[in-house]
Protein backbone atom coordinates (compact mmCIF):
# COMPACT_ATOMS: atom_id res chain seq x y z
CA MET A 1 -24.04 7.87 -12.80
CA LYS A 2 -25.54 9.48 -9.70
CA ARG A 3 -28.13 6.71 -9.44
CA GLN A 4 -25.45 4.01 -9.60
CA MET A 5 -23.44 5.79 -6.92
CA LEU A 6 -26.54 6.21 -4.76
CA ARG A 7 -27.43 2.51 -5.19
CA ALA A 8 -23.89 1.47 -4.19
CA VAL A 9 -24.02 3.63 -1.05
CA TRP A 10 -27.50 2.33 -0.19
CA LEU A 11 -26.34 -1.29 -0.65
CA LEU A 12 -23.34 -0.73 1.65
CA LEU A 13 -25.55 0.80 4.32
CA ALA A 14 -28.13 -1.98 4.02
CA CYS A 15 -25.45 -4.66 4.38
CA GLY A 16 -24.06 -2.94 7.45
CA PHE A 17 -27.46 -2.73 9.13
CA THR A 18 -28.49 -6.31 8.33
CA GLY A 19 -25.43 -7.74 10.03
CA ILE A 20 -23.41 -8.96 7.07
CA THR A 21 -20.16 -8.56 8.96
CA CYS A 22 -17.87 -10.74 11.07
CA ALA A 23 -19.41 -13.93 12.35
CA GLU A 24 -20.51 -13.75 15.97
CA GLU A 25 -19.59 -16.68 18.16
CA MET A 26 -21.76 -18.59 20.60
CA VAL A 27 -21.23 -19.09 24.32
CA GLY A 28 -18.06 -21.10 24.95
CA ALA A 29 -16.42 -20.26 21.64
CA PRO A 30 -12.87 -18.86 21.91
CA CYS A 31 -12.53 -15.07 21.63
CA VAL A 32 -9.68 -12.58 21.70
CA PRO A 33 -10.24 -9.85 24.29
CA GLU A 34 -9.43 -6.34 23.15
CA THR A 35 -8.47 -5.15 26.64
CA ASP A 36 -6.15 -7.99 27.71
CA LYS A 37 -2.61 -6.71 28.25
CA GLY A 38 -1.17 -10.22 28.53
CA THR A 39 1.03 -9.36 31.52
CA TYR A 40 2.22 -12.01 33.96
CA ASN A 41 2.43 -11.36 37.68
CA LYS A 42 4.37 -14.01 39.60
CA ASN A 43 2.94 -12.75 42.90
CA LEU A 44 -0.61 -13.82 42.08
CA GLU A 45 -2.01 -17.23 43.01
CA GLY A 46 -5.24 -19.01 42.16
CA ALA A 47 -7.43 -17.73 39.35
CA THR A 48 -8.69 -14.37 38.14
CA THR A 49 -11.42 -13.58 35.64
CA SER A 50 -11.83 -10.44 33.57
CA ILE A 51 -15.05 -9.47 31.81
CA GLU A 52 -15.21 -7.60 28.52
CA THR A 53 -18.82 -6.55 27.91
CA ARG A 54 -18.56 -5.03 24.45
CA SER A 55 -16.88 -7.80 22.49
CA VAL A 56 -18.04 -7.69 18.88
CA GLN A 57 -16.76 -11.24 18.37
CA CYS A 58 -19.34 -12.76 20.71
CA GLU A 59 -23.05 -13.06 20.07
CA THR A 60 -23.67 -12.12 23.71
CA ARG A 61 -21.06 -9.31 23.58
CA VAL A 62 -19.31 -10.88 26.60
CA CYS A 63 -15.73 -12.19 26.31
CA LEU A 64 -14.43 -13.70 29.56
CA THR A 65 -10.73 -14.29 30.25
CA ARG A 66 -9.91 -16.78 32.98
CA THR A 67 -6.27 -16.73 34.10
CA VAL A 68 -5.03 -19.56 36.30
CA PHE A 69 -1.79 -18.79 38.13
CA GLU A 70 0.38 -21.79 38.96
CA SER A 71 3.87 -22.18 40.40
CA ASN A 72 5.28 -22.93 36.94
CA GLY A 73 3.48 -20.16 35.05
CA GLN A 74 0.00 -19.22 34.01
CA GLN A 75 -2.73 -20.47 31.70
CA LYS A 76 -5.12 -18.07 29.99
CA PHE A 77 -8.45 -19.00 28.47
CA SER A 78 -10.67 -16.48 26.65
CA PHE A 79 -14.15 -17.47 25.55
CA CYS A 80 -17.57 -16.00 24.78
CA SER A 81 -19.93 -16.18 27.73
CA CYS A 82 -23.21 -14.88 29.11
CA ARG A 83 -24.51 -14.03 32.57
CA CYS A 84 -26.44 -17.01 33.94
CA LYS A 85 -27.24 -15.70 37.43
CA ASP A 86 -27.44 -12.18 38.85
CA SER A 87 -25.92 -11.16 42.19
CA GLU A 88 -29.26 -11.80 43.94
CA GLY A 89 -29.38 -15.42 42.74
CA HIS A 90 -31.99 -15.02 39.99
CA THR A 91 -31.52 -17.34 37.00
CA TYR A 92 -33.02 -17.39 33.52
CA GLN A 93 -36.05 -19.28 34.84
CA SER A 94 -36.62 -17.12 37.94
CA ASN A 95 -35.67 -13.66 36.68
CA PRO A 96 -38.31 -11.05 37.66
CA ASP A 97 -36.67 -8.31 35.53
CA LYS A 98 -37.58 -8.92 31.88
CA TYR A 99 -35.04 -6.27 30.78
CA ASP A 100 -32.15 -7.99 32.56
CA TYR A 101 -30.94 -10.66 30.15
CA LEU A 102 -29.89 -13.89 31.84
CA CYS A 103 -29.08 -17.05 29.89
CA GLU A 104 -29.08 -20.80 30.31
CA CYS A 105 -25.62 -22.34 30.02
CA PRO A 106 -25.08 -24.75 27.11
CA PRO A 107 -24.01 -28.37 27.65
CA ASP A 108 -20.51 -28.99 29.05
CA THR A 109 -20.44 -25.58 30.76
CA VAL A 110 -21.10 -24.53 34.34
CA CYS A 111 -22.62 -21.37 35.83
CA LEU A 112 -19.74 -20.03 37.94
CA ASP A 113 -19.72 -17.00 40.26
CA VAL A 114 -17.41 -14.45 38.63
CA LEU A 115 -18.20 -10.98 39.97
CA SER A 116 -19.98 -10.42 43.26
CA ALA A 117 -21.90 -7.24 43.98
CA ILE A 118 -19.11 -4.78 44.76
CA GLU A 119 -19.22 -1.02 45.05
CA GLY A 120 -19.06 0.63 41.64
CA ALA A 121 -19.76 -2.51 39.60
CA PRO A 122 -22.75 -2.18 37.25
CA GLU A 123 -25.72 -4.20 38.51
CA LYS A 124 -26.29 -5.80 35.09
CA VAL A 125 -22.70 -7.13 35.05
CA THR A 126 -22.34 -8.67 38.51
CA GLY A 127 -23.17 -12.32 39.04
CA SER A 128 -22.30 -15.69 37.53
CA TYR A 129 -21.25 -16.53 33.98
CA CYS A 130 -21.18 -19.69 31.85
CA MET A 131 -17.73 -21.28 31.74
CA PRO A 132 -16.52 -24.47 30.01
CA ASN A 133 -16.13 -27.30 32.57
CA CYS A 134 -12.40 -27.87 32.07
CA ILE A 135 -11.67 -24.14 32.52
CA ALA A 136 -13.83 -23.85 35.64
CA SER A 137 -12.14 -26.96 37.13
CA PRO A 138 -8.61 -27.26 35.68
CA SER A 139 -7.98 -30.33 37.85
CA VAL A 140 -10.18 -32.27 35.38
CA CYS A 141 -7.33 -32.10 32.85
CA ASP A 142 -4.46 -32.19 35.38
CA SER A 143 -5.50 -35.60 36.70
CA ALA A 144 -4.71 -37.29 33.38
CA THR A 145 -1.34 -39.01 32.82
CA PRO A 146 0.43 -37.28 31.18
CA PRO A 147 -1.30 -33.99 32.19
CA GLU A 148 -3.60 -32.61 29.53
CA VAL A 149 -4.60 -29.07 28.57
CA CYS A 150 -8.10 -27.65 28.22
CA THR A 151 -8.53 -27.06 24.47
CA PRO A 152 -11.32 -25.41 22.45
CA SER A 153 -13.57 -27.58 20.31
CA LYS A 154 -12.62 -28.12 16.69
CA ASP A 155 -16.32 -28.58 15.86
CA SER A 156 -17.74 -25.20 14.85
CA THR A 157 -21.32 -26.37 15.50
CA GLU A 158 -20.50 -26.98 19.18
CA PRO A 159 -17.85 -24.39 20.14
CA TRP A 160 -18.62 -24.66 23.87
CA LYS A 161 -17.29 -28.24 24.03
CA TRP A 162 -13.78 -27.63 25.32
CA THR A 163 -11.92 -30.89 25.97
CA CYS A 164 -8.80 -32.12 27.72
CA GLU A 165 -6.08 -32.98 25.21
CA THR A 166 -2.42 -33.90 25.40
CA PRO A 167 -0.29 -30.91 24.29
């Protein structure tokens, strides 16, 4: 009886350490941020981006939320991302610091400046992050008649391929 109990505990621990848990998503895949309060502020204009660096849903552990404030409301997009350029301009190809992970953005995404080097911001967080094209440039979808909305891919093998679709 003790051996069976010990084997069961050992199996549970082994499964936990080998990663048999929730599936991790790739860059561009939708994610649900744990820190997003979902509040709307009618006094804001333009776009804001928040960075969650410990997201267990994302393979890179980075869940970005891009909020676009418009006169008729706001649009929120949350997706897994990775840092593609540091605040000094180094990219994956030119990074001199082998311990500072920088990535190459997948197809249909752009490396967009999100957090500049500001006082108090961790050095390994500042810089540019990969963002789906239609989120980085919402006008891509707005120019359609009737206006379309940036929508996550329905193809699980290419989650970064957000597209413009009629709501």
